[in-house]
Amino acid sequence: MSDAPADDRPATQFVRGVGVSGINPKGILLLLALLPQFTTVDGWSSSVQMFVLGALHVANRAIAYFAVALAATRLLQSRPRVSVTVTRVAGVIMLLIGGGILVEQVTYLR
Protein backbone atom coordinates (compact mmCIF):
# COMPACT_ATOMS: atom_id res chain seq x y z
CA MET A 1 0.00 0.00 0.00
CA SER A 2 1.12 3.49 -0.76
CA ASP A 3 0.29 6.68 1.08
CA ALA A 4 0.25 8.55 -2.23
CA PRO A 5 -3.21 9.80 -3.25
CA ALA A 6 -5.02 7.87 -5.96
CA ASP A 7 -5.06 9.39 -9.43
CA ASP A 8 -8.42 11.15 -9.77
CA ARG A 9 -8.34 11.68 -13.53
CA PRO A 10 -11.49 10.30 -15.18
CA ALA A 11 -9.51 8.29 -17.75
CA THR A 12 -7.49 6.58 -15.01
CA GLN A 13 -10.62 5.77 -13.04
CA PHE A 14 -12.28 4.40 -16.18
CA VAL A 15 -9.34 2.13 -17.00
CA ARG A 16 -9.23 0.92 -13.39
CA GLY A 17 -12.96 0.14 -13.47
CA VAL A 18 -12.70 -1.71 -16.78
CA GLY A 19 -9.81 -3.72 -15.38
CA VAL A 20 -11.69 -4.70 -12.24
CA SER A 21 -14.83 -5.61 -14.18
CA GLY A 22 -12.86 -7.43 -16.87
CA ILE A 23 -11.25 -9.86 -14.45
CA ASN A 24 -14.55 -10.71 -12.76
CA PRO A 25 -15.34 -14.29 -13.82
CA LYS A 26 -19.02 -14.02 -12.85
CA GLY A 27 -19.82 -11.80 -15.82
CA ILE A 28 -18.10 -14.10 -18.27
CA LEU A 29 -19.81 -17.17 -16.83
CA LEU A 30 -23.18 -15.42 -16.95
CA LEU A 31 -22.73 -14.59 -20.62
CA LEU A 32 -21.65 -18.15 -21.40
CA ALA A 33 -24.68 -19.51 -19.56
CA LEU A 34 -27.29 -17.17 -21.07
CA LEU A 35 -26.20 -16.32 -24.59
CA PRO A 36 -26.26 -19.78 -26.24
CA GLN A 37 -30.06 -19.88 -26.07
CA PHE A 38 -30.15 -16.89 -28.43
CA THR A 39 -27.97 -18.47 -31.14
CA THR A 40 -29.28 -20.37 -34.15
CA VAL A 41 -27.84 -23.08 -36.37
CA ASP A 42 -28.63 -21.00 -39.47
CA GLY A 43 -26.46 -18.10 -40.63
CA TRP A 44 -23.27 -17.14 -38.83
CA SER A 45 -21.23 -19.62 -36.83
CA SER A 46 -22.16 -19.95 -33.17
CA SER A 47 -18.83 -18.38 -32.15
CA VAL A 48 -19.52 -15.26 -34.20
CA GLN A 49 -23.08 -15.06 -32.87
CA MET A 50 -21.82 -15.37 -29.27
CA PHE A 51 -19.21 -12.67 -29.89
CA VAL A 52 -21.75 -10.26 -31.43
CA LEU A 53 -24.30 -10.87 -28.66
CA GLY A 54 -21.60 -10.44 -26.01
CA ALA A 55 -20.36 -7.23 -27.63
CA LEU A 56 -23.91 -5.84 -27.74
CA HIS A 57 -24.39 -6.70 -24.08
CA VAL A 58 -21.11 -5.02 -23.13
CA ALA A 59 -22.04 -1.92 -25.16
CA ASN A 60 -25.47 -1.72 -23.51
CA ARG A 61 -23.95 -2.04 -20.03
CA ALA A 62 -21.30 0.56 -20.82
CA ILE A 63 -23.96 3.06 -21.89
CA ALA A 64 -26.08 2.38 -18.81
CA TYR A 65 -23.13 2.59 -16.39
CA PHE A 66 -21.89 5.77 -18.05
CA ALA A 67 -25.32 7.39 -17.68
CA VAL A 68 -25.61 6.36 -14.02
CA ALA A 69 -22.07 7.54 -13.25
CA LEU A 70 -22.64 10.88 -14.96
CA ALA A 71 -25.94 11.47 -13.16
CA ALA A 72 -24.49 10.41 -9.80
CA THR A 73 -21.43 12.62 -10.23
CA ARG A 74 -23.52 15.65 -11.07
CA LEU A 75 -25.95 15.02 -8.21
CA LEU A 76 -23.31 14.31 -5.59
CA GLN A 77 -21.08 17.24 -6.59
CA SER A 78 -23.99 19.68 -6.47
CA ARG A 79 -25.21 18.37 -3.11
CA PRO A 80 -22.34 17.41 -0.77
CA ARG A 81 -24.71 16.44 2.04
CA VAL A 82 -26.36 13.86 -0.21
CA SER A 83 -22.91 12.39 -0.87
CA VAL A 84 -22.26 12.00 2.87
CA THR A 85 -25.71 10.47 3.39
CA VAL A 86 -25.27 8.02 0.51
CA THR A 87 -21.88 6.96 1.88
CA ARG A 88 -23.28 6.40 5.37
CA VAL A 89 -26.36 4.50 4.18
CA ALA A 90 -24.21 2.30 1.91
CA GLY A 91 -21.89 1.58 4.84
CA VAL A 92 -24.77 0.59 7.10
CA ILE A 93 -26.27 -1.64 4.40
CA MET A 94 -22.91 -3.37 3.86
CA LEU A 95 -22.56 -3.95 7.59
CA LEU A 96 -26.06 -5.44 7.71
CA ILE A 97 -25.32 -7.73 4.77
CA GLY A 98 -22.04 -8.80 6.36
CA GLY A 99 -23.78 -9.45 9.67
CA GLY A 100 -26.46 -11.48 7.93
CA ILE A 101 -23.84 -13.60 6.18
CA LEU A 102 -22.01 -14.10 9.47
CA VAL A 103 -25.20 -15.23 11.25
CA GLU A 104 -26.03 -17.55 8.36
CA GLN A 105 -22.59 -19.15 8.47
CA VAL A 106 -22.61 -19.53 12.26
CA THR A 107 -26.02 -21.21 12.22
CA TYR A 108 -24.96 -23.39 9.28
CA LEU A 109 -21.89 -24.66 11.16
CA ARG A 110 -23.95 -25.76 14.18
C-alpha atoms as a PDB file:
ATOM      1  CA  MET A   1       0.000   0.000   0.000  1.00  0.00           C
ATOM      2  CA  SER A   2       1.124   3.492  -0.757  1.00  0.00           C
ATOM      3  CA  ASP A   3       0.294   6.682   1.077  1.00  0.00           C
ATOM      4  CA  ALA A   4       0.249   8.548  -2.233  1.00  0.00           C
ATOM      5  CA  PRO A   5      -3.212   9.795  -3.254  1.00  0.00           C
ATOM      6  CA  ALA A   6      -5.023   7.870  -5.964  1.00  0.00           C
ATOM      7  CA  ASP A   7      -5.057   9.385  -9.430  1.00  0.00           C
ATOM      8  CA  ASP A   8      -8.417  11.151  -9.770  1.00  0.00           C
ATOM      9  CA  ARG A   9      -8.343  11.677 -13.530  1.00  0.00           C
ATOM     10  CA  PRO A  10     -11.490  10.298 -15.178  1.00  0.00           C
ATOM     11  CA  ALA A  11      -9.513   8.295 -17.745  1.00  0.00           C
ATOM     12  CA  THR A  12      -7.494   6.581 -15.008  1.00  0.00           C
ATOM     13  CA  GLN A  13     -10.624   5.766 -13.037  1.00  0.00           C
ATOM     14  CA  PHE A  14     -12.283   4.402 -16.179  1.00  0.00           C
ATOM     15  CA  VAL A  15      -9.341   2.134 -17.000  1.00  0.00           C
ATOM     16  CA  ARG A  16      -9.233   0.916 -13.387  1.00  0.00           C
ATOM     17  CA  GLY A  17     -12.961   0.137 -13.470  1.00  0.00           C
ATOM     18  CA  VAL A  18     -12.700  -1.710 -16.784  1.00  0.00           C
ATOM     19  CA  GLY A  19      -9.810  -3.725 -15.383  1.00  0.00           C
ATOM     20  CA  VAL A  20     -11.691  -4.696 -12.242  1.00  0.00           C
ATOM     21  CA  SER A  21     -14.834  -5.612 -14.184  1.00  0.00           C
ATOM     22  CA  GLY A  22     -12.858  -7.426 -16.865  1.00  0.00           C
ATOM     23  CA  ILE A  23     -11.250  -9.858 -14.453  1.00  0.00           C
ATOM     24  CA  ASN A  24     -14.552 -10.707 -12.760  1.00  0.00           C
ATOM     25  CA  PRO A  25     -15.339 -14.291 -13.822  1.00  0.00           C
ATOM     26  CA  LYS A  26     -19.020 -14.023 -12.855  1.00  0.00           C
ATOM     27  CA  GLY A  27     -19.817 -11.797 -15.817  1.00  0.00           C
ATOM     28  CA  ILE A  28     -18.102 -14.103 -18.275  1.00  0.00           C
ATOM     29  CA  LEU A  29     -19.813 -17.169 -16.826  1.00  0.00           C
ATOM     30  CA  LEU A  30     -23.184 -15.421 -16.945  1.00  0.00           C
ATOM     31  CA  LEU A  31     -22.728 -14.588 -20.620  1.00  0.00           C
ATOM     32  CA  LEU A  32     -21.647 -18.154 -21.401  1.00  0.00           C
ATOM     33  CA  ALA A  33     -24.681 -19.507 -19.555  1.00  0.00           C
ATOM     34  CA  LEU A  34     -27.293 -17.174 -21.068  1.00  0.00           C
ATOM     35  CA  LEU A  35     -26.202 -16.318 -24.594  1.00  0.00           C
ATOM     36  CA  PRO A  36     -26.263 -19.782 -26.237  1.00  0.00           C
ATOM     37  CA  GLN A  37     -30.060 -19.882 -26.071  1.00  0.00           C
ATOM     38  CA  PHE A  38     -30.150 -16.892 -28.432  1.00  0.00           C
ATOM     39  CA  THR A  39     -27.975 -18.466 -31.136  1.00  0.00           C
ATOM     40  CA  THR A  40     -29.283 -20.367 -34.150  1.00  0.00           C
ATOM     41  CA  VAL A  41     -27.845 -23.078 -36.372  1.00  0.00           C
ATOM     42  CA  ASP A  42     -28.631 -20.999 -39.465  1.00  0.00           C
ATOM     43  CA  GLY A  43     -26.459 -18.100 -40.629  1.00  0.00           C
ATOM     44  CA  TRP A  44     -23.274 -17.145 -38.826  1.00  0.00           C
ATOM     45  CA  SER A  45     -21.231 -19.619 -36.830  1.00  0.00           C
ATOM     46  CA  SER A  46     -22.160 -19.949 -33.175  1.00  0.00           C
ATOM     47  CA  SER A  47     -18.833 -18.383 -32.148  1.00  0.00           C
ATOM     48  CA  VAL A  48     -19.522 -15.262 -34.197  1.00  0.00           C
ATOM     49  CA  GLN A  49     -23.077 -15.065 -32.869  1.00  0.00           C
ATOM     50  CA  MET A  50     -21.818 -15.369 -29.271  1.00  0.00           C
ATOM     51  CA  PHE A  51     -19.211 -12.675 -29.893  1.00  0.00           C
ATOM     52  CA  VAL A  52     -21.747 -10.264 -31.431  1.00  0.00           C
ATOM     53  CA  LEU A  53     -24.298 -10.869 -28.660  1.00  0.00           C
ATOM     54  CA  GLY A  54     -21.596 -10.443 -26.009  1.00  0.00           C
ATOM     55  CA  ALA A  55     -20.364  -7.234 -27.625  1.00  0.00           C
ATOM     56  CA  LEU A  56     -23.913  -5.845 -27.741  1.00  0.00           C
ATOM     57  CA  HIS A  57     -24.392  -6.703 -24.081  1.00  0.00           C
ATOM     58  CA  VAL A  58     -21.114  -5.018 -23.128  1.00  0.00           C
ATOM     59  CA  ALA A  59     -22.036  -1.919 -25.163  1.00  0.00           C
ATOM     60  CA  ASN A  60     -25.465  -1.718 -23.511  1.00  0.00           C
ATOM     61  CA  ARG A  61     -23.950  -2.037 -20.030  1.00  0.00           C
ATOM     62  CA  ALA A  62     -21.300   0.565 -20.818  1.00  0.00           C
ATOM     63  CA  ILE A  63     -23.956   3.062 -21.893  1.00  0.00           C
ATOM     64  CA  ALA A  64     -26.082   2.376 -18.812  1.00  0.00           C
ATOM     65  CA  TYR A  65     -23.133   2.586 -16.390  1.00  0.00           C
ATOM     66  CA  PHE A  66     -21.894   5.771 -18.053  1.00  0.00           C
ATOM     67  CA  ALA A  67     -25.320   7.389 -17.682  1.00  0.00           C
ATOM     68  CA  VAL A  68     -25.611   6.360 -14.022  1.00  0.00           C
ATOM     69  CA  ALA A  69     -22.071   7.542 -13.254  1.00  0.00           C
ATOM     70  CA  LEU A  70     -22.642  10.876 -14.963  1.00  0.00           C
ATOM     71  CA  ALA A  71     -25.941  11.470 -13.159  1.00  0.00           C
ATOM     72  CA  ALA A  72     -24.494  10.405  -9.796  1.00  0.00           C
ATOM     73  CA  THR A  73     -21.431  12.615 -10.232  1.00  0.00           C
ATOM     74  CA  ARG A  74     -23.525  15.653 -11.067  1.00  0.00           C
ATOM     75  CA  LEU A  75     -25.946  15.023  -8.209  1.00  0.00           C
ATOM     76  CA  LEU A  76     -23.306  14.306  -5.586  1.00  0.00           C
ATOM     77  CA  GLN A  77     -21.083  17.240  -6.588  1.00  0.00           C
ATOM     78  CA  SER A  78     -23.988  19.676  -6.473  1.00  0.00           C
ATOM     79  CA  ARG A  79     -25.212  18.373  -3.106  1.00  0.00           C
ATOM     80  CA  PRO A  80     -22.344  17.414  -0.770  1.00  0.00           C
ATOM     81  CA  ARG A  81     -24.707  16.437   2.042  1.00  0.00           C
ATOM     82  CA  VAL A  82     -26.357  13.863  -0.207  1.00  0.00           C
ATOM     83  CA  SER A  83     -22.911  12.393  -0.867  1.00  0.00           C
ATOM     84  CA  VAL A  84     -22.264  12.003   2.865  1.00  0.00           C
ATOM     85  CA  THR A  85     -25.711  10.469   3.387  1.00  0.00           C
ATOM     86  CA  VAL A  86     -25.271   8.019   0.506  1.00  0.00           C
ATOM     87  CA  THR A  87     -21.883   6.957   1.883  1.00  0.00           C
ATOM     88  CA  ARG A  88     -23.281   6.399   5.365  1.00  0.00           C
ATOM     89  CA  VAL A  89     -26.357   4.504   4.176  1.00  0.00           C
ATOM     90  CA  ALA A  90     -24.211   2.302   1.913  1.00  0.00           C
ATOM     91  CA  GLY A  91     -21.892   1.583   4.842  1.00  0.00           C
ATOM     92  CA  VAL A  92     -24.772   0.591   7.102  1.00  0.00           C
ATOM     93  CA  ILE A  93     -26.267  -1.640   4.400  1.00  0.00           C
ATOM     94  CA  MET A  94     -22.906  -3.366   3.859  1.00  0.00           C
ATOM     95  CA  LEU A  95     -22.558  -3.945   7.586  1.00  0.00           C
ATOM     96  CA  LEU A  96     -26.063  -5.442   7.711  1.00  0.00           C
ATOM     97  CA  ILE A  97     -25.325  -7.729   4.775  1.00  0.00           C
ATOM     98  CA  GLY A  98     -22.035  -8.803   6.356  1.00  0.00           C
ATOM     99  CA  GLY A  99     -23.781  -9.451   9.670  1.00  0.00           C
ATOM    100  CA  GLY A 100     -26.464 -11.483   7.927  1.00  0.00           C
ATOM    101  CA  ILE A 101     -23.841 -13.603   6.184  1.00  0.00           C
ATOM    102  CA  LEU A 102     -22.011 -14.097   9.473  1.00  0.00           C
ATOM    103  CA  VAL A 103     -25.204 -15.227  11.246  1.00  0.00           C
ATOM    104  CA  GLU A 104     -26.032 -17.550   8.357  1.00  0.00           C
ATOM    105  CA  GLN A 105     -22.585 -19.145   8.475  1.00  0.00           C
ATOM    106  CA  VAL A 106     -22.608 -19.532  12.261  1.00  0.00           C
ATOM    107  CA  THR A 107     -26.018 -21.212  12.223  1.00  0.00           C
ATOM    108  CA  TYR A 108     -24.956 -23.393   9.282  1.00  0.00           C
ATOM    109  CA  LEU A 109     -21.892 -24.661  11.165  1.00  0.00           C
ATOM    110  CA  ARG A 110     -23.947 -25.761  14.176  1.00  0.00           C
END
